[in-house]
PDB file of N, CA and C in Angstrom:
ATOM      1  N   MET A   1     -77.110  14.183  97.492  1.00  0.00           N
ATOM      2  CA  MET A   1     -78.271  15.044  97.674  1.00  0.00           C
ATOM      3  C   MET A   1     -77.954  16.481  97.315  1.00  0.00           C
ATOM      4  N   LYS A   2     -78.817  17.137  96.579  1.00  0.00           N
ATOM      5  CA  LYS A   2     -78.527  18.491  96.097  1.00  0.00           C
ATOM      6  C   LYS A   2     -78.372  19.475  97.284  1.00  0.00           C
ATOM      7  N   ARG A   3     -79.154  19.362  98.319  1.00  0.00           N
ATOM      8  CA  ARG A   3     -79.101  20.281  99.460  1.00  0.00           C
ATOM      9  C   ARG A   3     -77.739  20.249 100.098  1.00  0.00           C
ATOM     10  N   ALA A   4     -77.108  19.147 100.230  1.00  0.00           N
ATOM     11  CA  ALA A   4     -75.791  18.993 100.894  1.00  0.00           C
ATOM     12  C   ALA A   4     -74.745  19.772 100.061  1.00  0.00           C
ATOM     13  N   THR A   5     -74.838  19.712  98.735  1.00  0.00           N
ATOM     14  CA  THR A   5     -73.868  20.369  97.933  1.00  0.00           C
ATOM     15  C   THR A   5     -74.073  21.909  97.942  1.00  0.00           C
ATOM     16  N   LEU A   6     -75.323  22.360  98.154  1.00  0.00           N
ATOM     17  CA  LEU A   6     -75.603  23.777  98.207  1.00  0.00           C
ATOM     18  C   LEU A   6     -74.961  24.453  99.420  1.00  0.00           C
ATOM     19  N   LYS A   7     -74.722  23.710 100.493  1.00  0.00           N
ATOM     20  CA  LYS A   7     -74.092  24.254 101.719  1.00  0.00           C
ATOM     21  C   LYS A   7     -72.702  24.789 101.392  1.00  0.00           C
ATOM     22  N   ASN A   8     -72.062  24.221 100.377  1.00  0.00           N
ATOM     23  CA  ASN A   8     -70.678  24.558 100.004  1.00  0.00           C
ATOM     24  C   ASN A   8     -70.618  25.391  98.697  1.00  0.00           C
ATOM     25  N   ASP A   9     -71.765  25.772  98.178  1.00  0.00           N
ATOM     26  CA  ASP A   9     -71.811  26.499  96.926  1.00  0.00           C
ATOM     27  C   ASP A   9     -71.813  28.043  97.232  1.00  0.00           C
ATOM     28  N   VAL A  10     -70.660  28.627  97.113  1.00  0.00           N
ATOM     29  CA  VAL A  10     -70.510  30.052  97.500  1.00  0.00           C
ATOM     30  C   VAL A  10     -71.346  30.931  96.660  1.00  0.00           C
ATOM     31  N   VAL A  11     -71.594  30.618  95.414  1.00  0.00           N
ATOM     32  CA  VAL A  11     -72.440  31.452  94.529  1.00  0.00           C
ATOM     33  C   VAL A  11     -73.876  31.395  95.011  1.00  0.00           C
ATOM     34  N   PHE A  12     -74.386  30.217  95.331  1.00  0.00           N
ATOM     35  CA  PHE A  12     -75.741  30.040  95.855  1.00  0.00           C
ATOM     36  C   PHE A  12     -75.888  30.811  97.200  1.00  0.00           C
ATOM     37  N   ILE A  13     -74.918  30.654  98.053  1.00  0.00           N
ATOM     38  CA  ILE A  13     -74.955  31.330  99.370  1.00  0.00           C
ATOM     39  C   ILE A  13     -74.915  32.841  99.172  1.00  0.00           C
ATOM     40  N   ASN A  14     -74.117  33.363  98.251  1.00  0.00           N
ATOM     41  CA  ASN A  14     -74.097  34.781  97.990  1.00  0.00           C
ATOM     42  C   ASN A  14     -75.402  35.258  97.465  1.00  0.00           C
ATOM     43  N   HIS A  15     -76.018  34.508  96.575  1.00  0.00           N
ATOM     44  CA  HIS A  15     -77.366  34.854  96.036  1.00  0.00           C
ATOM     45  C   HIS A  15     -78.354  34.985  97.163  1.00  0.00           C
ATOM     46  N   GLU A  16     -78.381  34.026  98.092  1.00  0.00           N
ATOM     47  CA  GLU A  16     -79.304  34.089  99.183  1.00  0.00           C
ATOM     48  C   GLU A  16     -78.960  35.155 100.171  1.00  0.00           C
ATOM     49  N   CYS A  17     -77.686  35.501 100.369  1.00  0.00           N
ATOM     50  CA  CYS A  17     -77.286  36.596 101.240  1.00  0.00           C
ATOM     51  C   CYS A  17     -77.781  37.964 100.662  1.00  0.00           C
ATOM     52  N   ILE A  18     -77.784  38.064  99.377  1.00  0.00           N
ATOM     53  CA  ILE A  18     -78.306  39.258  98.704  1.00  0.00           C
ATOM     54  C   ILE A  18     -79.821  39.396  99.043  1.00  0.00           C
ATOM     55  N   HIS A  19     -80.530  38.291  99.013  1.00  0.00           N
ATOM     56  CA  HIS A  19     -81.940  38.305  99.388  1.00  0.00           C
ATOM     57  C   HIS A  19     -82.090  38.691 100.883  1.00  0.00           C
ATOM     58  N   LEU A  20     -81.215  38.176 101.702  1.00  0.00           N
ATOM     59  CA  LEU A  20     -81.336  38.555 103.157  1.00  0.00           C
ATOM     60  C   LEU A  20     -81.127  40.004 103.358  1.00  0.00           C
ATOM     61  N   ARG A  21     -80.219  40.609 102.613  1.00  0.00           N
ATOM     62  CA  ARG A  21     -80.003  42.074 102.716  1.00  0.00           C
ATOM     63  C   ARG A  21     -81.252  42.806 102.263  1.00  0.00           C
ATOM     64  N   GLN A  22     -81.838  42.343 101.157  1.00  0.00           N
ATOM     65  CA  GLN A  22     -83.048  43.008 100.666  1.00  0.00           C
ATOM     66  C   GLN A  22     -84.173  42.920 101.696  1.00  0.00           C
ATOM     67  N   GLN A  23     -84.309  41.762 102.325  1.00  0.00           N
ATOM     68  CA  GLN A  23     -85.336  41.547 103.397  1.00  0.00           C
ATOM     69  C   GLN A  23     -85.113  42.511 104.568  1.00  0.00           C
ATOM     70  N   VAL A  24     -83.843  42.628 104.982  1.00  0.00           N
ATOM     71  CA  VAL A  24     -83.565  43.530 106.124  1.00  0.00           C
ATOM     72  C   VAL A  24     -83.882  44.958 105.756  1.00  0.00           C
ATOM     73  N   GLU A  25     -83.519  45.345 104.531  1.00  0.00           N
ATOM     74  CA  GLU A  25     -83.770  46.748 104.105  1.00  0.00           C
ATOM     75  C   GLU A  25     -85.310  47.082 104.092  1.00  0.00           C
ATOM     76  N   LEU A  26     -86.102  46.075 103.776  1.00  0.00           N
ATOM     77  CA  LEU A  26     -87.550  46.311 103.748  1.00  0.00           C
ATOM     78  C   LEU A  26     -88.281  45.806 104.974  1.00  0.00           C
ATOM     79  N   LEU A  27     -87.522  45.501 106.007  1.00  0.00           N
ATOM     80  CA  LEU A  27     -88.075  45.094 107.312  1.00  0.00           C
ATOM     81  C   LEU A  27     -88.907  43.797 107.142  1.00  0.00           C
ATOM     82  N   ILE A  28     -88.439  42.904 106.365  1.00  0.00           N
ATOM     83  CA  ILE A  28     -88.920  41.486 106.158  1.00  0.00           C
ATOM     84  C   ILE A  28     -90.345  41.405 105.591  1.00  0.00           C
ATOM     85  N   LEU A  29     -91.365  41.687 106.331  1.00  0.00           N
ATOM     86  CA  LEU A  29     -92.772  41.508 105.851  1.00  0.00           C
ATOM     87  C   LEU A  29     -93.019  42.284 104.553  1.00  0.00           C
ATOM     88  N   PRO A  30     -92.657  43.572 104.475  1.00  0.00           N
ATOM     89  CA  PRO A  30     -92.904  44.281 103.225  1.00  0.00           C
ATOM     90  C   PRO A  30     -92.112  43.655 102.062  1.00  0.00           C
ATOM     91  N   PHE A  31     -90.955  43.039 102.282  1.00  0.00           N
ATOM     92  CA  PHE A  31     -90.245  42.379 101.284  1.00  0.00           C
ATOM     93  C   PHE A  31     -91.135  41.278 100.624  1.00  0.00           C
ATOM     94  N   PHE A  32     -91.752  40.473 101.412  1.00  0.00           N
ATOM     95  CA  PHE A  32     -92.554  39.370 100.886  1.00  0.00           C
ATOM     96  C   PHE A  32     -93.820  39.859 100.269  1.00  0.00           C
ATOM     97  N   ILE A  33     -94.371  40.941 100.740  1.00  0.00           N
ATOM     98  CA  ILE A  33     -95.534  41.557 100.083  1.00  0.00           C
ATOM     99  C   ILE A  33     -95.177  42.086  98.755  1.00  0.00           C
ATOM    100  N   TRP A  34     -94.075  42.870  98.695  1.00  0.00           N
ATOM    101  CA  TRP A  34     -93.588  43.412  97.444  1.00  0.00           C
ATOM    102  C   TRP A  34     -93.261  42.283  96.466  1.00  0.00           C
ATOM    103  N   TYR A  35     -92.566  41.271  96.930  1.00  0.00           N
ATOM    104  CA  TYR A  35     -92.155  40.122  96.077  1.00  0.00           C
ATOM    105  C   TYR A  35     -93.395  39.512  95.422  1.00  0.00           C
ATOM    106  N   THR A  36     -94.396  39.244  96.275  1.00  0.00           N
ATOM    107  CA  THR A  36     -95.605  38.607  95.780  1.00  0.00           C
ATOM    108  C   THR A  36     -96.345  39.505  94.793  1.00  0.00           C
ATOM    109  N   ILE A  37     -96.502  40.786  95.076  1.00  0.00           N
ATOM    110  CA  ILE A  37     -97.203  41.701  94.149  1.00  0.00           C
ATOM    111  C   ILE A  37     -96.431  41.787  92.830  1.00  0.00           C
ATOM    112  N   GLU A  38     -95.076  41.978  92.930  1.00  0.00           N
ATOM    113  CA  GLU A  38     -94.288  42.073  91.725  1.00  0.00           C
ATOM    114  C   GLU A  38     -94.343  40.799  90.894  1.00  0.00           C
ATOM    115  N   TYR A  39     -94.376  39.643  91.531  1.00  0.00           N
ATOM    116  CA  TYR A  39     -94.533  38.372  90.815  1.00  0.00           C
ATOM    117  C   TYR A  39     -95.875  38.327  90.058  1.00  0.00           C
ATOM    118  N   GLY A  40     -96.920  38.784  90.696  1.00  0.00           N
ATOM    119  CA  GLY A  40     -98.233  38.873  90.059  1.00  0.00           C
ATOM    120  C   GLY A  40     -98.264  39.775  88.891  1.00  0.00           C
ATOM    121  N   VAL A  41     -97.638  40.965  89.005  1.00  0.00           N
ATOM    122  CA  VAL A  41     -97.554  41.876  87.870  1.00  0.00           C
ATOM    123  C   VAL A  41     -96.785  41.323  86.772  1.00  0.00           C
ATOM    124  N   ARG A  42     -95.645  40.671  87.074  1.00  0.00           N
ATOM    125  CA  ARG A  42     -94.776  40.083  86.001  1.00  0.00           C
ATOM    126  C   ARG A  42     -95.476  38.902  85.371  1.00  0.00           C
ATOM    127  N   LEU A  43     -96.275  38.119  86.124  1.00  0.00           N
ATOM    128  CA  LEU A  43     -97.023  37.031  85.590  1.00  0.00           C
ATOM    129  C   LEU A  43     -98.053  37.502  84.510  1.00  0.00           C
ATOM    130  N   VAL A  44     -98.726  38.606  84.844  1.00  0.00           N
ATOM    131  CA  VAL A  44     -99.665  39.194  83.883  1.00  0.00           C
ATOM    132  C   VAL A  44     -98.873  39.704  82.699  1.00  0.00           C
ATOM    133  N   GLN A  45     -97.750  40.336  82.958  1.00  0.00           N
ATOM    134  CA  GLN A  45     -96.887  40.929  81.863  1.00  0.00           C
ATOM    135  C   GLN A  45     -96.379  39.818  80.919  1.00  0.00           C
ATOM    136  N   TYR A  46     -95.798  38.794  81.469  1.00  0.00           N
ATOM    137  CA  TYR A  46     -95.151  37.772  80.660  1.00  0.00           C
ATOM    138  C   TYR A  46     -95.943  36.528  80.357  1.00  0.00           C
ATOM    139  N   ARG A  47     -96.997  36.287  81.136  1.00  0.00           N
ATOM    140  CA  ARG A  47     -97.861  35.111  80.949  1.00  0.00           C
ATOM    141  C   ARG A  47     -97.055  33.801  80.990  1.00  0.00           C
ATOM    142  N   ASP A  48     -96.004  33.834  81.848  1.00  0.00           N
ATOM    143  CA  ASP A  48     -95.100  32.638  81.968  1.00  0.00           C
ATOM    144  C   ASP A  48     -94.544  32.717  83.375  1.00  0.00           C
ATOM    145  N   SER A  49     -94.723  31.655  84.151  1.00  0.00           N
ATOM    146  CA  SER A  49     -94.343  31.721  85.548  1.00  0.00           C
ATOM    147  C   SER A  49     -92.821  31.861  85.740  1.00  0.00           C
ATOM    148  N   TYR A  50     -92.034  31.167  84.908  1.00  0.00           N
ATOM    149  CA  TYR A  50     -90.600  31.281  85.057  1.00  0.00           C
ATOM    150  C   TYR A  50     -90.119  32.658  84.654  1.00  0.00           C
ATOM    151  N   LYS A  51     -90.655  33.228  83.557  1.00  0.00           N
ATOM    152  CA  LYS A  51     -90.270  34.581  83.138  1.00  0.00           C
ATOM    153  C   LYS A  51     -90.667  35.600  84.191  1.00  0.00           C
ATOM    154  N   ALA A  52     -91.824  35.376  84.789  1.00  0.00           N
ATOM    155  CA  ALA A  52     -92.295  36.265  85.866  1.00  0.00           C
ATOM    156  C   ALA A  52     -91.349  36.284  87.037  1.00  0.00           C
ATOM    157  N   TYR A  53     -91.003  35.071  87.471  1.00  0.00           N
ATOM    158  CA  TYR A  53     -90.019  34.890  88.609  1.00  0.00           C
ATOM    159  C   TYR A  53     -88.685  35.532  88.272  1.00  0.00           C
ATOM    160  N   SER A  54     -88.186  35.243  87.064  1.00  0.00           N
ATOM    161  CA  SER A  54     -86.883  35.769  86.635  1.00  0.00           C
ATOM    162  C   SER A  54     -86.787  37.243  86.547  1.00  0.00           C
ATOM    163  N   ASN A  55     -87.920  37.894  86.392  1.00  0.00           N
ATOM    164  CA  ASN A  55     -87.957  39.337  86.200  1.00  0.00           C
ATOM    165  C   ASN A  55     -88.356  40.124  87.442  1.00  0.00           C
ATOM    166  N   ILE A  56     -88.543  39.460  88.535  1.00  0.00           N
ATOM    167  CA  ILE A  56     -88.781  40.154  89.820  1.00  0.00           C
ATOM    168  C   ILE A  56     -87.427  40.909  90.106  1.00  0.00           C
ATOM    169  N   SER A  57     -87.604  42.182  90.536  1.00  0.00           N
ATOM    170  CA  SER A  57     -86.419  43.016  90.731  1.00  0.00           C
ATOM    171  C   SER A  57     -85.412  42.369  91.737  1.00  0.00           C
ATOM    172  N   PHE A  58     -85.947  41.744  92.781  1.00  0.00           N
ATOM    173  CA  PHE A  58     -85.091  41.109  93.779  1.00  0.00           C
ATOM    174  C   PHE A  58     -84.266  39.996  93.187  1.00  0.00           C
ATOM    175  N   GLU A  59     -84.917  39.209  92.311  1.00  0.00           N
ATOM    176  CA  GLU A  59     -84.231  38.094  91.692  1.00  0.00           C
ATOM    177  C   GLU A  59     -83.225  38.591  90.638  1.00  0.00           C
ATOM    178  N   ARG A  60     -83.591  39.574  89.922  1.00  0.00           N
ATOM    179  CA  ARG A  60     -82.690  40.172  88.884  1.00  0.00           C
ATOM    180  C   ARG A  60     -81.396  40.630  89.571  1.00  0.00           C
ATOM    181  N   GLU A  61     -81.530  41.346  90.673  1.00  0.00           N
ATOM    182  CA  GLU A  61     -80.362  41.836  91.398  1.00  0.00           C
ATOM    183  C   GLU A  61     -79.495  40.671  91.848  1.00  0.00           C
ATOM    184  N   ALA A  62     -80.157  39.719  92.487  1.00  0.00           N
ATOM    185  CA  ALA A  62     -79.409  38.554  93.043  1.00  0.00           C
ATOM    186  C   ALA A  62     -78.742  37.743  91.993  1.00  0.00           C
ATOM    187  N   TYR A  63     -79.417  37.441  90.879  1.00  0.00           N
ATOM    188  CA  TYR A  63     -78.803  36.662  89.820  1.00  0.00           C
ATOM    189  C   TYR A  63     -77.704  37.392  89.099  1.00  0.00           C
ATOM    190  N   GLN A  64     -77.850  38.683  88.877  1.00  0.00           N
ATOM    191  CA  GLN A  64     -76.841  39.429  88.184  1.00  0.00           C
ATOM    192  C   GLN A  64     -75.597  39.656  89.007  1.00  0.00           C
ATOM    193  N   ASN A  65     -75.670  39.484  90.308  1.00  0.00           N
ATOM    194  CA  ASN A  65     -74.554  39.762  91.193  1.00  0.00           C
ATOM    195  C   ASN A  65     -74.083  38.590  92.018  1.00  0.00           C
ATOM    196  N   GLU A  66     -74.701  37.431  91.852  1.00  0.00           N
ATOM    197  CA  GLU A  66     -74.330  36.284  92.636  1.00  0.00           C
ATOM    198  C   GLU A  66     -72.907  35.811  92.542  1.00  0.00           C
ATOM    199  N   ASN A  67     -72.307  36.062  91.358  1.00  0.00           N
ATOM    200  CA  ASN A  67     -70.900  35.621  91.181  1.00  0.00           C
ATOM    201  C   ASN A  67     -69.899  36.600  91.707  1.00  0.00           C
ATOM    202  N   ASN A  68     -70.368  37.834  92.052  1.00  0.00           N
ATOM    203  CA  ASN A  68     -69.460  38.853  92.611  1.00  0.00           C
ATOM    204  C   ASN A  68     -69.535  38.690  94.113  1.00  0.00           C
ATOM    205  N   LEU A  69     -68.552  37.972  94.656  1.00  0.00           N
ATOM    206  CA  LEU A  69     -68.568  37.741  96.102  1.00  0.00           C
ATOM    207  C   LEU A  69     -68.277  38.948  96.943  1.00  0.00           C
ATOM    208  N   ASP A  70     -67.877  40.059  96.362  1.00  0.00           N
ATOM    209  CA  ASP A  70     -67.675  41.347  97.072  1.00  0.00           C
ATOM    210  C   ASP A  70     -68.835  42.242  96.923  1.00  0.00           C
ATOM    211  N   TYR A  71     -69.894  41.818  96.220  1.00  0.00           N
ATOM    212  CA  TYR A  71     -71.063  42.687  95.949  1.00  0.00           C
ATOM    213  C   TYR A  71     -71.694  43.295  97.174  1.00  0.00           C
ATOM    214  N   LEU A  72     -71.927  42.499  98.179  1.00  0.00           N
ATOM    215  CA  LEU A  72     -72.604  43.009  99.419  1.00  0.00           C
ATOM    216  C   LEU A  72     -71.777  44.067 100.123  1.00  0.00           C
ATOM    217  N   GLU A  73     -70.468  43.992 100.000  1.00  0.00           N
ATOM    218  CA  GLU A  73     -69.606  45.009 100.675  1.00  0.00           C
ATOM    219  C   GLU A  73     -69.769  46.364 100.011  1.00  0.00           C
ATOM    220  N   LYS A  74     -70.070  46.374  98.722  1.00  0.00           N
ATOM    221  CA  LYS A  74     -70.137  47.647  97.965  1.00  0.00           C
ATOM    222  C   LYS A  74     -71.549  48.066  97.582  1.00  0.00           C
ATOM    223  N   ARG A  75     -72.488  47.177  97.847  1.00  0.00           N
ATOM    224  CA  ARG A  75     -73.868  47.420  97.482  1.00  0.00           C
ATOM    225  C   ARG A  75     -74.450  48.615  98.243  1.00  0.00           C
ATOM    226  N   SER A  76     -75.098  49.446  97.487  1.00  0.00           N
ATOM    227  CA  SER A  76     -75.791  50.576  98.160  1.00  0.00           C
ATOM    228  C   SER A  76     -77.213  50.191  98.606  1.00  0.00           C
ATOM    229  N   PHE A  77     -77.742  50.950  99.495  1.00  0.00           N
ATOM    230  CA  PHE A  77     -79.053  50.730 100.120  1.00  0.00           C
ATOM    231  C   PHE A  77     -80.130  50.701  99.036  1.00  0.00           C
ATOM    232  N   TRP A  78     -81.066  49.765  99.073  1.00  0.00           N
ATOM    233  CA  TRP A  78     -82.137  49.591  98.154  1.00  0.00           C
ATOM    234  C   TRP A  78     -81.723  49.451  96.689  1.00  0.00           C
ATOM    235  N   SER A  79     -80.607  48.812  96.433  1.00  0.00           N
ATOM    236  CA  SER A  79     -80.108  48.675  95.060  1.00  0.00           C
ATOM    237  C   SER A  79     -81.045  47.900  94.153  1.00  0.00           C
ATOM    238  N   PHE A  80     -81.882  47.089  94.744  1.00  0.00           N
ATOM    239  CA  PHE A  80     -82.843  46.321  93.957  1.00  0.00           C
ATOM    240  C   PHE A  80     -83.768  47.222  93.079  1.00  0.00           C
ATOM    241  N   VAL A  81     -83.934  48.474  93.488  1.00  0.00           N
ATOM    242  CA  VAL A  81     -84.823  49.393  92.767  1.00  0.00           C
ATOM    243  C   VAL A  81     -84.314  49.634  91.337  1.00  0.00           C
ATOM    244  N   LYS A  82     -82.991  49.547  91.160  1.00  0.00           N
ATOM    245  CA  LYS A  82     -82.425  49.695  89.808  1.00  0.00           C
ATOM    246  C   LYS A  82     -82.826  48.591  88.846  1.00  0.00           C
ATOM    247  N   TYR A  83     -83.360  47.539  89.420  1.00  0.00           N
ATOM    248  CA  TYR A  83     -83.707  46.342  88.594  1.00  0.00           C
ATOM    249  C   TYR A  83     -85.209  46.248  88.326  1.00  0.00           C
ATOM    250  N   LEU A  84     -85.977  47.296  88.691  1.00  0.00           N
ATOM    251  CA  LEU A  84     -87.389  47.307  88.438  1.00  0.00           C
ATOM    252  C   LEU A  84     -87.720  47.356  86.963  1.00  0.00           C
TER     253      LEU A  84
END
């Protein structure tokens, strides 16, 4: 089962930990509001759901840094803004 293997996937876990940090910085609810609005804007911009998802600033930050297991130790506050 794919879920069982994800528990041991350090890259996947790091990706999700980056999202957790983003959520904490935005006090959780605003994160989801921003995420949804940005997805809508990207959907209009790209007219493709996968491209829209891939270009959300939160996802861009997480994907670009998921292999760097030290990223969260060095990451500055609100770093996702650089990926807008």
